[in-house]
Amino acid sequence: MKGSIHAIFAASLLFGSIAAAEDASLSALKQRCEAAREAKIAPLRAAAIDECVTKQKKDRASCERFYRDYGNGGRTAAGAAKQRMFNDLPECLELYEAEKNRTKP
């Protein structure tokens, strides 16, 4: 009985350390994905803000607030789902593959 408790405890420690390593790895992959997406989105966001200021004659602060989540997806005014921009970057595809293959508890 005592040996099986020790084996269970050892297995739980091992699984816990594997899960922690996976979490750290997934966190790093997520940061890489978001950084790569932001590098692509930032110039597009800046152009949209500039167009808002020049063509719509709005102040820059309100245009920046309006476009602060540019490229993040969500819902359209009609309620349809809108995909995030640049989800197909290699860094993001690597993250999604790692999440799909993650060890389940």
C-alpha atoms as a PDB file:
ATOM      1  CA  MET A   1       0.000   0.000   0.000  1.00  0.00           C
ATOM      2  CA  LYS A   2       2.754   2.411   1.007  1.00  0.00           C
ATOM      3  CA  GLY A   3       4.682   1.669  -2.218  1.00  0.00           C
ATOM      4  CA  SER A   4       1.660   2.422  -4.406  1.00  0.00           C
ATOM      5  CA  ILE A   5       1.093   5.735  -2.631  1.00  0.00           C
ATOM      6  CA  HIS A   6       4.713   6.669  -3.287  1.00  0.00           C
ATOM      7  CA  ALA A   7       4.365   5.630  -6.938  1.00  0.00           C
ATOM      8  CA  ILE A   8       1.199   7.731  -7.322  1.00  0.00           C
ATOM      9  CA  PHE A   9       2.899  10.688  -5.646  1.00  0.00           C
ATOM     10  CA  ALA A  10       5.958  10.357  -7.888  1.00  0.00           C
ATOM     11  CA  ALA A  11       3.779  10.082 -10.984  1.00  0.00           C
ATOM     12  CA  SER A  12       1.803  13.166  -9.986  1.00  0.00           C
ATOM     13  CA  LEU A  13       5.047  15.128  -9.490  1.00  0.00           C
ATOM     14  CA  LEU A  14       6.309  13.992 -12.886  1.00  0.00           C
ATOM     15  CA  PHE A  15       3.032  14.810 -14.613  1.00  0.00           C
ATOM     16  CA  GLY A  16       2.921  18.171 -12.835  1.00  0.00           C
ATOM     17  CA  SER A  17       6.394  19.068 -14.064  1.00  0.00           C
ATOM     18  CA  ILE A  18       5.509  17.958 -17.615  1.00  0.00           C
ATOM     19  CA  ALA A  19       2.333  20.058 -17.501  1.00  0.00           C
ATOM     20  CA  ALA A  20       4.274  23.063 -16.184  1.00  0.00           C
ATOM     21  CA  ALA A  21       6.832  22.703 -18.986  1.00  0.00           C
ATOM     22  CA  GLU A  22       4.031  22.453 -21.557  1.00  0.00           C
ATOM     23  CA  ASP A  23       2.367  25.564 -20.107  1.00  0.00           C
ATOM     24  CA  ALA A  24       5.645  27.492 -20.316  1.00  0.00           C
ATOM     25  CA  SER A  25       6.212  26.309 -23.861  1.00  0.00           C
ATOM     26  CA  LEU A  26       2.669  27.221 -24.904  1.00  0.00           C
ATOM     27  CA  SER A  27       3.049  30.618 -23.252  1.00  0.00           C
ATOM     28  CA  ALA A  28       6.250  31.267 -25.211  1.00  0.00           C
ATOM     29  CA  LEU A  29       4.591  30.152 -28.455  1.00  0.00           C
ATOM     30  CA  LYS A  30       1.605  32.407 -27.767  1.00  0.00           C
ATOM     31  CA  GLN A  31       3.915  35.385 -27.203  1.00  0.00           C
ATOM     32  CA  ARG A  32       5.699  34.659 -30.499  1.00  0.00           C
ATOM     33  CA  CYS A  33       2.386  34.380 -32.348  1.00  0.00           C
ATOM     34  CA  GLU A  34       1.031  37.626 -30.892  1.00  0.00           C
ATOM     35  CA  ALA A  35       4.289  39.486 -31.612  1.00  0.00           C
ATOM     36  CA  ALA A  36       4.274  38.288 -35.232  1.00  0.00           C
ATOM     37  CA  ARG A  37       0.610  39.266 -35.634  1.00  0.00           C
ATOM     38  CA  GLU A  38       1.210  42.687 -34.081  1.00  0.00           C
ATOM     39  CA  ALA A  39       4.124  43.333 -36.465  1.00  0.00           C
ATOM     40  CA  LYS A  40       1.747  42.779 -39.399  1.00  0.00           C
ATOM     41  CA  ILE A  41      -1.269  44.563 -37.901  1.00  0.00           C
ATOM     42  CA  ALA A  42       0.464  47.690 -36.519  1.00  0.00           C
ATOM     43  CA  PRO A  43       1.021  49.422 -39.897  1.00  0.00           C
ATOM     44  CA  LEU A  44      -2.532  48.609 -40.990  1.00  0.00           C
ATOM     45  CA  ARG A  45      -3.911  49.995 -37.716  1.00  0.00           C
ATOM     46  CA  ALA A  46      -1.819  53.149 -38.107  1.00  0.00           C
ATOM     47  CA  ALA A  47      -3.120  53.647 -41.656  1.00  0.00           C
ATOM     48  CA  ALA A  48      -6.728  53.175 -40.494  1.00  0.00           C
ATOM     49  CA  ILE A  49      -6.203  55.729 -37.715  1.00  0.00           C
ATOM     50  CA  ASP A  50      -4.638  58.206 -40.144  1.00  0.00           C
ATOM     51  CA  GLU A  51      -7.543  57.737 -42.555  1.00  0.00           C
ATOM     52  CA  CYS A  52     -10.013  58.244 -39.697  1.00  0.00           C
ATOM     53  CA  VAL A  53      -8.312  61.531 -38.785  1.00  0.00           C
ATOM     54  CA  THR A  54      -7.973  62.874 -42.339  1.00  0.00           C
ATOM     55  CA  LYS A  55     -11.126  61.643 -44.073  1.00  0.00           C
ATOM     56  CA  GLN A  56     -13.582  61.520 -41.183  1.00  0.00           C
ATOM     57  CA  LYS A  57     -12.143  64.658 -39.560  1.00  0.00           C
ATOM     58  CA  LYS A  58     -12.117  63.091 -36.085  1.00  0.00           C
ATOM     59  CA  ASP A  59      -9.552  63.766 -33.388  1.00  0.00           C
ATOM     60  CA  ARG A  60      -6.663  61.310 -33.190  1.00  0.00           C
ATOM     61  CA  ALA A  61      -7.495  60.130 -29.646  1.00  0.00           C
ATOM     62  CA  SER A  62     -10.996  58.992 -30.611  1.00  0.00           C
ATOM     63  CA  CYS A  63      -9.676  57.276 -33.754  1.00  0.00           C
ATOM     64  CA  GLU A  64      -7.023  55.477 -31.689  1.00  0.00           C
ATOM     65  CA  ARG A  65      -9.680  54.312 -29.215  1.00  0.00           C
ATOM     66  CA  PHE A  66     -11.917  53.111 -32.056  1.00  0.00           C
ATOM     67  CA  TYR A  67      -9.117  51.137 -33.743  1.00  0.00           C
ATOM     68  CA  ARG A  68      -7.307  49.892 -30.604  1.00  0.00           C
ATOM     69  CA  ASP A  69      -8.527  46.300 -31.221  1.00  0.00           C
ATOM     70  CA  TYR A  70      -8.005  46.419 -34.987  1.00  0.00           C
ATOM     71  CA  GLY A  71      -7.356  42.934 -36.354  1.00  0.00           C
ATOM     72  CA  ASN A  72      -8.528  41.039 -33.262  1.00  0.00           C
ATOM     73  CA  GLY A  73     -11.713  39.640 -34.763  1.00  0.00           C
ATOM     74  CA  GLY A  74     -14.928  39.309 -32.810  1.00  0.00           C
ATOM     75  CA  ARG A  75     -18.418  40.067 -34.067  1.00  0.00           C
ATOM     76  CA  THR A  76     -19.635  42.332 -36.852  1.00  0.00           C
ATOM     77  CA  ALA A  77     -22.495  44.796 -36.352  1.00  0.00           C
ATOM     78  CA  ALA A  78     -24.814  42.145 -37.836  1.00  0.00           C
ATOM     79  CA  GLY A  79     -23.610  39.564 -35.303  1.00  0.00           C
ATOM     80  CA  ALA A  80     -21.542  37.414 -37.669  1.00  0.00           C
ATOM     81  CA  ALA A  81     -18.180  36.065 -36.499  1.00  0.00           C
ATOM     82  CA  LYS A  82     -15.155  37.960 -37.785  1.00  0.00           C
ATOM     83  CA  GLN A  83     -11.840  36.059 -37.937  1.00  0.00           C
ATOM     84  CA  ARG A  84      -8.679  37.478 -36.346  1.00  0.00           C
ATOM     85  CA  MET A  85      -6.197  38.833 -38.849  1.00  0.00           C
ATOM     86  CA  PHE A  86      -2.979  36.917 -39.562  1.00  0.00           C
ATOM     87  CA  ASN A  87      -3.938  33.707 -37.765  1.00  0.00           C
ATOM     88  CA  ASP A  88      -2.175  31.847 -40.568  1.00  0.00           C
ATOM     89  CA  LEU A  89       1.333  33.042 -39.730  1.00  0.00           C
ATOM     90  CA  PRO A  90       3.822  30.189 -39.143  1.00  0.00           C
ATOM     91  CA  GLU A  91       4.286  31.262 -35.500  1.00  0.00           C
ATOM     92  CA  CYS A  92       0.542  30.988 -34.895  1.00  0.00           C
ATOM     93  CA  LEU A  93       0.174  27.695 -36.740  1.00  0.00           C
ATOM     94  CA  GLU A  94       2.948  26.280 -34.534  1.00  0.00           C
ATOM     95  CA  LEU A  95       1.027  27.425 -31.435  1.00  0.00           C
ATOM     96  CA  TYR A  96      -2.246  25.903 -32.616  1.00  0.00           C
ATOM     97  CA  GLU A  97      -0.540  22.598 -33.434  1.00  0.00           C
ATOM     98  CA  ALA A  98       1.100  22.516 -29.984  1.00  0.00           C
ATOM     99  CA  GLU A  99      -2.251  23.255 -28.311  1.00  0.00           C
ATOM    100  CA  LYS A 100      -3.908  20.477 -30.296  1.00  0.00           C
ATOM    101  CA  ASN A 101      -1.198  17.970 -29.281  1.00  0.00           C
ATOM    102  CA  ARG A 102      -1.043  19.056 -25.642  1.00  0.00           C
ATOM    103  CA  THR A 103      -1.043  16.282 -23.049  1.00  0.00           C
ATOM    104  CA  LYS A 104      -4.465  16.022 -21.474  1.00  0.00           C
ATOM    105  CA  PRO A 105      -4.690  15.424 -17.687  1.00  0.00           C
END
